[in-house]
Protein backbone atom coordinates (compact mmCIF):
# COMPACT_ATOMS: atom_id res chain seq x y z
CA UNK A 1 21.12 136.84 40.93
CA UNK A 2 19.89 138.58 43.82
CA UNK A 3 17.36 140.31 41.89
CA UNK A 4 16.25 137.38 39.96
CA UNK A 5 15.39 135.19 42.37
CA UNK A 6 13.56 138.83 44.06
CA UNK A 7 11.84 139.53 40.89
CA UNK A 8 10.59 135.97 40.19
CA UNK A 9 9.18 135.94 43.38
CA UNK A 10 6.31 138.99 43.44
CA UNK A 11 5.55 137.41 39.99
CA UNK A 12 2.03 136.66 40.01
CA UNK A 13 0.60 136.13 36.50
CA UNK A 14 2.01 132.46 36.75
CA UNK A 15 -0.33 132.48 39.22
CA UNK A 16 -3.06 134.18 38.29
CA UNK A 17 -2.87 132.44 35.24
CA UNK A 18 -2.76 129.21 36.54
CA UNK A 19 -5.88 129.94 39.10
CA UNK A 20 -8.21 131.03 36.08
CA UNK A 21 -7.00 127.36 33.81
CA UNK A 22 -8.13 125.70 37.01
CA UNK A 23 -11.18 127.68 37.29
CA UNK A 24 -12.04 126.99 33.69
CA UNK A 25 -11.63 123.18 33.88
CA UNK A 26 -13.80 123.19 36.91
CA UNK A 27 -16.33 124.67 34.82
CA UNK A 28 -16.42 122.48 32.18
CA UNK A 29 -16.17 119.70 34.29
CA UNK A 30 -19.88 121.35 35.81
CA UNK A 31 -20.45 121.32 32.11
CA UNK A 32 -19.65 117.74 31.28
CA UNK A 33 -21.86 116.59 34.13
CA UNK A 34 -25.15 118.37 33.96
CA UNK A 35 -25.05 117.90 29.85
CA UNK A 36 -24.83 113.81 30.85
CA UNK A 37 -26.77 113.87 33.63
CA UNK A 38 -29.80 116.25 31.17
CA UNK A 39 -28.79 113.81 28.14
CA UNK A 40 -29.68 110.56 30.09
CA UNK A 41 -33.55 112.31 31.09
CA UNK A 42 -34.28 113.74 27.83
CA UNK A 43 -32.92 109.98 25.95
CA UNK A 44 -36.01 108.01 28.29
CA UNK A 45 -38.38 111.15 27.27
CA UNK A 46 -37.85 110.88 23.35
CA UNK A 47 -38.55 107.09 24.24
CA UNK A 48 -41.30 107.26 25.33
CA UNK A 49 -42.71 109.40 22.95
CA UNK A 50 -41.01 106.99 20.11
CA UNK A 51 -42.88 104.29 21.62
CA UNK A 52 -45.82 106.09 22.66
CA UNK A 53 -46.17 107.60 18.28
CA UNK A 54 -45.41 103.67 17.83
CA UNK A 55 -48.74 101.96 18.80
């Protein structure tokens, strides 16, 4: 039992996987936020073009 606990405490594979998961989640949040902000600007640009073409 002692060897199992020692080996479990030294194993860092799970911690590395969790860190990679957190980094991927952070990158996803940044991408979603930037697309949301850029989407509003693009929508406003298309609306102004559409209104200019309509007149």
